[in-house]
Amino acid sequence: LWAVALIGVTTFAFSWAGVKVGNLFGAKF
């Protein structure tokens, strides 16, 4: 339960940031 919660929350945060990063900086990362 801790594992899936941590994986889900971490991926949510990275995905949110990824949309912003992609929109700001392009495919560089």
Full PDB file with SEQRES, HELIX, SHEET, SSBOND, CRYST1, ORIGX, SCALE, CONECT and MASTER records, all heavy atoms in Angstrom:
SEQRES   1 A   29  LEU TRP ALA VAL ALA LEU ILE GLY VAL THR THR PHE ALA          
SEQRES   2 A   29  PHE SER TRP ALA GLY VAL LYS VAL GLY ASN LEU PHE GLY          
SEQRES   3 A   29  ALA LYS PHE                                                  
HELIX    1 AA1 TRP A    2  PHE A   25  1                                  24    
HELIX    2 AA2 GLY A   26  LYS A   28  5                                   3    
CRYST1    1.000    1.000    1.000  90.00  90.00  90.00 P 1           1          
ORIGX1      1.000000  0.000000  0.000000        0.00000                         
ORIGX2      0.000000  1.000000  0.000000        0.00000                         
ORIGX3      0.000000  0.000000  1.000000        0.00000                         
SCALE1      1.000000  0.000000  0.000000        0.00000                         
SCALE2      0.000000  1.000000  0.000000        0.00000                         
SCALE3      0.000000  0.000000  1.000000        0.00000                         
ATOM      1  N   LEU A   1       0.825  -1.213   0.000  1.00  0.00           N  
ATOM      2  CA  LEU A   1       0.000   0.000   0.000  1.00  0.00           C  
ATOM      3  C   LEU A   1       0.858   1.263   0.000  1.00  0.00           C  
ATOM      4  O   LEU A   1       0.579   2.217  -0.733  1.00  0.00           O  
ATOM      5  CB  LEU A   1      -0.974  -0.014   1.180  1.00  0.00           C  
ATOM      6  CG  LEU A   1      -2.016  -1.138   1.143  1.00  0.00           C  
ATOM      7  CD1 LEU A   1      -2.917  -1.074   2.366  1.00  0.00           C  
ATOM      8  CD2 LEU A   1      -2.834  -1.079  -0.145  1.00  0.00           C  
ATOM      9  N   TRP A   2       1.913   1.261   0.821  1.00  0.00           N  
ATOM     10  CA  TRP A   2       2.851   2.391   0.817  1.00  0.00           C  
ATOM     11  C   TRP A   2       3.534   2.500  -0.545  1.00  0.00           C  
ATOM     12  O   TRP A   2       3.724   3.589  -1.070  1.00  0.00           O  
ATOM     13  CB  TRP A   2       3.913   2.230   1.896  1.00  0.00           C  
ATOM     14  CG  TRP A   2       3.499   2.740   3.233  1.00  0.00           C  
ATOM     15  CD1 TRP A   2       3.151   2.002   4.314  1.00  0.00           C  
ATOM     16  CD2 TRP A   2       3.389   4.109   3.633  1.00  0.00           C  
ATOM     17  NE1 TRP A   2       2.823   2.815   5.362  1.00  0.00           N  
ATOM     18  CE2 TRP A   2       2.962   4.125   4.978  1.00  0.00           C  
ATOM     19  CE3 TRP A   2       3.611   5.317   2.986  1.00  0.00           C  
ATOM     20  CZ2 TRP A   2       2.755   5.302   5.674  1.00  0.00           C  
ATOM     21  CZ3 TRP A   2       3.407   6.495   3.695  1.00  0.00           C  
ATOM     22  CH2 TRP A   2       2.978   6.468   5.015  1.00  0.00           C  
ATOM     23  N   ALA A   3       3.915   1.360  -1.083  1.00  0.00           N  
ATOM     24  CA  ALA A   3       4.644   1.350  -2.354  1.00  0.00           C  
ATOM     25  C   ALA A   3       3.796   1.924  -3.482  1.00  0.00           C  
ATOM     26  O   ALA A   3       4.257   2.809  -4.214  1.00  0.00           O  
ATOM     27  CB  ALA A   3       5.098  -0.067  -2.695  1.00  0.00           C  
ATOM     28  N   VAL A   4       2.559   1.443  -3.626  1.00  0.00           N  
ATOM     29  CA  VAL A   4       1.733   1.927  -4.736  1.00  0.00           C  
ATOM     30  C   VAL A   4       1.333   3.387  -4.534  1.00  0.00           C  
ATOM     31  O   VAL A   4       1.241   4.153  -5.500  1.00  0.00           O  
ATOM     32  CB  VAL A   4       0.494   1.038  -5.002  1.00  0.00           C  
ATOM     33  CG1 VAL A   4       0.924  -0.359  -5.408  1.00  0.00           C  
ATOM     34  CG2 VAL A   4      -0.457   0.995  -3.844  1.00  0.00           C  
ATOM     35  N   ALA A   5       1.113   3.781  -3.279  1.00  0.00           N  
ATOM     36  CA  ALA A   5       0.785   5.193  -3.018  1.00  0.00           C  
ATOM     37  C   ALA A   5       1.972   6.087  -3.380  1.00  0.00           C  
ATOM     38  O   ALA A   5       1.802   7.125  -4.049  1.00  0.00           O  
ATOM     39  CB  ALA A   5       0.399   5.383  -1.549  1.00  0.00           C  
ATOM     40  N   LEU A   6       3.156   5.680  -2.978  1.00  0.00           N  
ATOM     41  CA  LEU A   6       4.352   6.470  -3.269  1.00  0.00           C  
ATOM     42  C   LEU A   6       4.628   6.526  -4.769  1.00  0.00           C  
ATOM     43  O   LEU A   6       4.943   7.589  -5.312  1.00  0.00           O  
ATOM     44  CB  LEU A   6       5.556   5.897  -2.516  1.00  0.00           C  
ATOM     45  CG  LEU A   6       6.833   6.713  -2.549  1.00  0.00           C  
ATOM     46  CD1 LEU A   6       6.612   8.115  -1.979  1.00  0.00           C  
ATOM     47  CD2 LEU A   6       7.916   6.011  -1.751  1.00  0.00           C  
ATOM     48  N   ILE A   7       4.480   5.403  -5.445  1.00  0.00           N  
ATOM     49  CA  ILE A   7       4.689   5.366  -6.896  1.00  0.00           C  
ATOM     50  C   ILE A   7       3.660   6.241  -7.598  1.00  0.00           C  
ATOM     51  O   ILE A   7       3.996   7.024  -8.494  1.00  0.00           O  
ATOM     52  CB  ILE A   7       4.637   3.909  -7.418  1.00  0.00           C  
ATOM     53  CG1 ILE A   7       5.869   3.141  -6.955  1.00  0.00           C  
ATOM     54  CG2 ILE A   7       4.522   3.881  -8.943  1.00  0.00           C  
ATOM     55  CD1 ILE A   7       5.777   1.633  -7.163  1.00  0.00           C  
ATOM     56  N   GLY A   8       2.398   6.140  -7.195  1.00  0.00           N  
ATOM     57  CA  GLY A   8       1.343   6.941  -7.822  1.00  0.00           C  
ATOM     58  C   GLY A   8       1.538   8.433  -7.618  1.00  0.00           C  
ATOM     59  O   GLY A   8       1.437   9.228  -8.562  1.00  0.00           O  
ATOM     60  N   VAL A   9       1.832   8.836  -6.380  1.00  0.00           N  
ATOM     61  CA  VAL A   9       2.015  10.260  -6.071  1.00  0.00           C  
ATOM     62  C   VAL A   9       3.269  10.807  -6.765  1.00  0.00           C  
ATOM     63  O   VAL A   9       3.243  11.912  -7.329  1.00  0.00           O  
ATOM     64  CB  VAL A   9       2.087  10.481  -4.540  1.00  0.00           C  
ATOM     65  CG1 VAL A   9       2.558  11.880  -4.194  1.00  0.00           C  
ATOM     66  CG2 VAL A   9       0.724  10.204  -3.910  1.00  0.00           C  
ATOM     67  N   THR A  10       4.349  10.041  -6.744  1.00  0.00           N  
ATOM     68  CA  THR A  10       5.583  10.477  -7.400  1.00  0.00           C  
ATOM     69  C   THR A  10       5.369  10.638  -8.901  1.00  0.00           C  
ATOM     70  O   THR A  10       5.777  11.650  -9.493  1.00  0.00           O  
ATOM     71  CB  THR A  10       6.727   9.476  -7.124  1.00  0.00           C  
ATOM     72  OG1 THR A  10       6.906   9.366  -5.712  1.00  0.00           O  
ATOM     73  CG2 THR A  10       8.025   9.909  -7.776  1.00  0.00           C  
ATOM     74  N   THR A  11       4.711   9.667  -9.515  1.00  0.00           N  
ATOM     75  CA  THR A  11       4.458   9.740 -10.956  1.00  0.00           C  
ATOM     76  C   THR A  11       3.515  10.891 -11.281  1.00  0.00           C  
ATOM     77  O   THR A  11       3.699  11.582 -12.290  1.00  0.00           O  
ATOM     78  CB  THR A  11       3.897   8.405 -11.484  1.00  0.00           C  
ATOM     79  OG1 THR A  11       4.820   7.364 -11.163  1.00  0.00           O  
ATOM     80  CG2 THR A  11       3.692   8.448 -12.987  1.00  0.00           C  
ATOM     81  N   PHE A  12       2.511  11.105 -10.437  1.00  0.00           N  
ATOM     82  CA  PHE A  12       1.612  12.242 -10.633  1.00  0.00           C  
ATOM     83  C   PHE A  12       2.418  13.539 -10.671  1.00  0.00           C  
ATOM     84  O   PHE A  12       2.263  14.362 -11.576  1.00  0.00           O  
ATOM     85  CB  PHE A  12       0.563  12.298  -9.514  1.00  0.00           C  
ATOM     86  CG  PHE A  12      -0.352  13.489  -9.609  1.00  0.00           C  
ATOM     87  CD1 PHE A  12      -1.534  13.416 -10.339  1.00  0.00           C  
ATOM     88  CD2 PHE A  12      -0.033  14.684  -8.986  1.00  0.00           C  
ATOM     89  CE1 PHE A  12      -2.380  14.515 -10.445  1.00  0.00           C  
ATOM     90  CE2 PHE A  12      -0.867  15.794  -9.084  1.00  0.00           C  
ATOM     91  CZ  PHE A  12      -2.045  15.707  -9.811  1.00  0.00           C  
ATOM     92  N   ALA A  13       3.297  13.712  -9.689  1.00  0.00           N  
ATOM     93  CA  ALA A  13       4.086  14.946  -9.592  1.00  0.00           C  
ATOM     94  C   ALA A  13       5.022  15.103 -10.794  1.00  0.00           C  
ATOM     95  O   ALA A  13       5.125  16.188 -11.381  1.00  0.00           O  
ATOM     96  CB  ALA A  13       4.884  14.962  -8.290  1.00  0.00           C  
ATOM     97  N   PHE A  14       5.714  14.022 -11.171  1.00  0.00           N  
ATOM     98  CA  PHE A  14       6.627  14.102 -12.315  1.00  0.00           C  
ATOM     99  C   PHE A  14       5.868  14.335 -13.615  1.00  0.00           C  
ATOM    100  O   PHE A  14       6.354  15.034 -14.505  1.00  0.00           O  
ATOM    101  CB  PHE A  14       7.483  12.831 -12.418  1.00  0.00           C  
ATOM    102  CG  PHE A  14       8.753  12.902 -11.637  1.00  0.00           C  
ATOM    103  CD1 PHE A  14       8.810  12.418 -10.342  1.00  0.00           C  
ATOM    104  CD2 PHE A  14       9.899  13.445 -12.180  1.00  0.00           C  
ATOM    105  CE1 PHE A  14       9.980  12.480  -9.606  1.00  0.00           C  
ATOM    106  CE2 PHE A  14      11.081  13.520 -11.457  1.00  0.00           C  
ATOM    107  CZ  PHE A  14      11.124  13.037 -10.166  1.00  0.00           C  
ATOM    108  N   SER A  15       4.685  13.753 -13.743  1.00  0.00           N  
ATOM    109  CA  SER A  15       3.889  13.940 -14.961  1.00  0.00           C  
ATOM    110  C   SER A  15       3.403  15.377 -15.066  1.00  0.00           C  
ATOM    111  O   SER A  15       3.440  15.982 -16.143  1.00  0.00           O  
ATOM    112  CB  SER A  15       2.700  12.975 -14.969  1.00  0.00           C  
ATOM    113  OG  SER A  15       3.164  11.640 -14.967  1.00  0.00           O  
ATOM    114  N   TRP A  16       2.922  15.914 -13.954  1.00  0.00           N  
ATOM    115  CA  TRP A  16       2.491  17.321 -13.917  1.00  0.00           C  
ATOM    116  C   TRP A  16       3.653  18.215 -14.349  1.00  0.00           C  
ATOM    117  O   TRP A  16       3.511  19.072 -15.216  1.00  0.00           O  
ATOM    118  CB  TRP A  16       2.028  17.669 -12.503  1.00  0.00           C  
ATOM    119  CG  TRP A  16       1.503  19.062 -12.323  1.00  0.00           C  
ATOM    120  CD1 TRP A  16       2.197  20.234 -12.463  1.00  0.00           C  
ATOM    121  CD2 TRP A  16       0.175  19.436 -11.973  1.00  0.00           C  
ATOM    122  NE1 TRP A  16       1.393  21.307 -12.203  1.00  0.00           N  
ATOM    123  CE2 TRP A  16       0.136  20.849 -11.900  1.00  0.00           C  
ATOM    124  CE3 TRP A  16      -0.967  18.726 -11.683  1.00  0.00           C  
ATOM    125  CZ2 TRP A  16      -1.011  21.551 -11.567  1.00  0.00           C  
ATOM    126  CZ3 TRP A  16      -2.119  19.433 -11.344  1.00  0.00           C  
ATOM    127  CH2 TRP A  16      -2.129  20.824 -11.302  1.00  0.00           C  
ATOM    128  N   ALA A  17       4.805  17.987 -13.719  1.00  0.00           N  
ATOM    129  CA  ALA A  17       5.987  18.786 -14.038  1.00  0.00           C  
ATOM    130  C   ALA A  17       6.421  18.573 -15.478  1.00  0.00           C  
ATOM    131  O   ALA A  17       6.873  19.518 -16.148  1.00  0.00           O  
ATOM    132  CB  ALA A  17       7.128  18.431 -13.084  1.00  0.00           C  
ATOM    133  N   GLY A  18       6.290  17.342 -15.979  1.00  0.00           N  
ATOM    134  CA  GLY A  18       6.696  17.041 -17.349  1.00  0.00           C  
ATOM    135  C   GLY A  18       5.926  17.843 -18.380  1.00  0.00           C  
ATOM    136  O   GLY A  18       6.505  18.316 -19.370  1.00  0.00           O  
ATOM    137  N   VAL A  19       4.632  17.997 -18.166  1.00  0.00           N  
ATOM    138  CA  VAL A  19       3.825  18.797 -19.088  1.00  0.00           C  
ATOM    139  C   VAL A  19       4.340  20.232 -19.099  1.00  0.00           C  
ATOM    140  O   VAL A  19       4.521  20.840 -20.159  1.00  0.00           O  
ATOM    141  CB  VAL A  19       2.322  18.746 -18.712  1.00  0.00           C  
ATOM    142  CG1 VAL A  19       1.517  19.739 -19.544  1.00  0.00           C  
ATOM    143  CG2 VAL A  19       1.765  17.336 -18.889  1.00  0.00           C  
ATOM    144  N   LYS A  20       4.622  20.764 -17.922  1.00  0.00           N  
ATOM    145  CA  LYS A  20       5.129  22.141 -17.821  1.00  0.00           C  
ATOM    146  C   LYS A  20       6.521  22.265 -18.448  1.00  0.00           C  
ATOM    147  O   LYS A  20       6.797  23.195 -19.206  1.00  0.00           O  
ATOM    148  CB  LYS A  20       5.186  22.592 -16.351  1.00  0.00           C  
ATOM    149  CG  LYS A  20       3.840  22.879 -15.761  1.00  0.00           C  
ATOM    150  CD  LYS A  20       3.219  24.051 -16.471  1.00  0.00           C  
ATOM    151  CE  LYS A  20       2.130  24.686 -15.644  1.00  0.00           C  
ATOM    152  NZ  LYS A  20       1.512  25.804 -16.359  1.00  0.00           N  
ATOM    153  N   VAL A  21       7.405  21.319 -18.138  1.00  0.00           N  
ATOM    154  CA  VAL A  21       8.767  21.345 -18.682  1.00  0.00           C  
ATOM    155  C   VAL A  21       8.731  21.245 -20.205  1.00  0.00           C  
ATOM    156  O   VAL A  21       9.419  21.996 -20.899  1.00  0.00           O  
ATOM    157  CB  VAL A  21       9.632  20.218 -18.074  1.00  0.00           C  
ATOM    158  CG1 VAL A  21      10.930  20.021 -18.844  1.00  0.00           C  
ATOM    159  CG2 VAL A  21       9.922  20.498 -16.611  1.00  0.00           C  
ATOM    160  N   GLY A  22       7.926  20.330 -20.710  1.00  0.00           N  
ATOM    161  CA  GLY A  22       7.818  20.169 -22.156  1.00  0.00           C  
ATOM    162  C   GLY A  22       7.314  21.424 -22.826  1.00  0.00           C  
ATOM    163  O   GLY A  22       7.807  21.817 -23.896  1.00  0.00           O  
ATOM    164  N   ASN A  23       6.363  22.060 -22.201  1.00  0.00           N  
ATOM    165  CA  ASN A  23       5.815  23.284 -22.764  1.00  0.00           C  
ATOM    166  C   ASN A  23       6.821  24.428 -22.694  1.00  0.00           C  
ATOM    167  O   ASN A  23       6.865  25.273 -23.584  1.00  0.00           O  
ATOM    168  CB  ASN A  23       4.517  23.641 -22.035  1.00  0.00           C  
ATOM    169  CG  ASN A  23       3.712  24.667 -22.779  1.00  0.00           C  
ATOM    170  OD1 ASN A  23       3.572  25.795 -22.331  1.00  0.00           O  
ATOM    171  ND2 ASN A  23       3.187  24.273 -23.934  1.00  0.00           N  
ATOM    172  N   LEU A  24       7.650  24.453 -21.667  1.00  0.00           N  
ATOM    173  CA  LEU A  24       8.611  25.547 -21.497  1.00  0.00           C  
ATOM    174  C   LEU A  24       9.930  25.331 -22.241  1.00  0.00           C  
ATOM    175  O   LEU A  24      10.469  26.231 -22.859  1.00  0.00           O  
ATOM    176  CB  LEU A  24       8.921  25.755 -20.018  1.00  0.00           C  
ATOM    177  CG  LEU A  24       7.792  26.309 -19.156  1.00  0.00           C  
ATOM    178  CD1 LEU A  24       8.199  26.311 -17.685  1.00  0.00           C  
ATOM    179  CD2 LEU A  24       7.410  27.705 -19.602  1.00  0.00           C  
ATOM    180  N   PHE A  25      10.472  24.122 -22.153  1.00  0.00           N  
ATOM    181  CA  PHE A  25      11.838  23.895 -22.619  1.00  0.00           C  
ATOM    182  C   PHE A  25      11.980  22.985 -23.830  1.00  0.00           C  
ATOM    183  O   PHE A  25      13.079  22.821 -24.337  1.00  0.00           O  
ATOM    184  CB  PHE A  25      12.691  23.308 -21.486  1.00  0.00           C  
ATOM    185  CG  PHE A  25      12.795  24.213 -20.307  1.00  0.00           C  
ATOM    186  CD1 PHE A  25      12.154  23.905 -19.130  1.00  0.00           C  
ATOM    187  CD2 PHE A  25      13.531  25.382 -20.382  1.00  0.00           C  
ATOM    188  CE1 PHE A  25      12.243  24.741 -18.031  1.00  0.00           C  
ATOM    189  CE2 PHE A  25      13.625  26.220 -19.295  1.00  0.00           C  
ATOM    190  CZ  PHE A  25      12.984  25.906 -18.116  1.00  0.00           C  
ATOM    191  N   GLY A  26      10.933  22.323 -24.229  1.00  0.00           N  
ATOM    192  CA  GLY A  26      11.020  21.457 -25.389  1.00  0.00           C  
ATOM    193  C   GLY A  26      11.509  20.060 -25.049  1.00  0.00           C  
ATOM    194  O   GLY A  26      11.497  19.642 -23.904  1.00  0.00           O  
ATOM    195  N   ALA A  27      11.977  19.344 -26.048  1.00  0.00           N  
ATOM    196  CA  ALA A  27      12.317  17.929 -25.929  1.00  0.00           C  
ATOM    197  C   ALA A  27      13.698  17.682 -25.325  1.00  0.00           C  
ATOM    198  O   ALA A  27      14.142  16.546 -25.243  1.00  0.00           O  
ATOM    199  CB  ALA A  27      12.248  17.268 -27.307  1.00  0.00           C  
ATOM    200  N   LYS A  28      14.364  18.708 -24.874  1.00  0.00           N  
ATOM    201  CA  LYS A  28      15.740  18.612 -24.382  1.00  0.00           C  
ATOM    202  C   LYS A  28      15.923  17.577 -23.273  1.00  0.00           C  
ATOM    203  O   LYS A  28      16.933  16.887 -23.213  1.00  0.00           O  
ATOM    204  CB  LYS A  28      16.157  19.995 -23.882  1.00  0.00           C  
ATOM    205  CG  LYS A  28      17.568  20.127 -23.446  1.00  0.00           C  
ATOM    206  CD  LYS A  28      17.819  21.575 -23.060  1.00  0.00           C  
ATOM    207  CE  LYS A  28      19.227  21.786 -22.593  1.00  0.00           C  
ATOM    208  NZ  LYS A  28      19.459  23.157 -22.203  1.00  0.00           N  
ATOM    209  N   PHE A  29      14.937  17.435 -22.360  1.00  0.00           N  
ATOM    210  CA  PHE A  29      15.099  16.579 -21.181  1.00  0.00           C  
ATOM    211  C   PHE A  29      14.500  15.181 -21.324  1.00  0.00           C  
ATOM    212  O   PHE A  29      14.692  14.349 -20.468  1.00  0.00           O  
ATOM    213  CB  PHE A  29      14.489  17.258 -19.950  1.00  0.00           C  
ATOM    214  CG  PHE A  29      15.146  18.559 -19.614  1.00  0.00           C  
ATOM    215  CD1 PHE A  29      14.504  19.754 -19.840  1.00  0.00           C  
ATOM    216  CD2 PHE A  29      16.431  18.578 -19.087  1.00  0.00           C  
ATOM    217  CE1 PHE A  29      15.116  20.954 -19.539  1.00  0.00           C  
ATOM    218  CE2 PHE A  29      17.056  19.777 -18.787  1.00  0.00           C  
ATOM    219  CZ  PHE A  29      16.395  20.968 -19.014  1.00  0.00           C  
TER     220      PHE A  29                                                      
MASTER        0    0    0    2    0    0    0    6  219    1    0    3          
END                                                                             
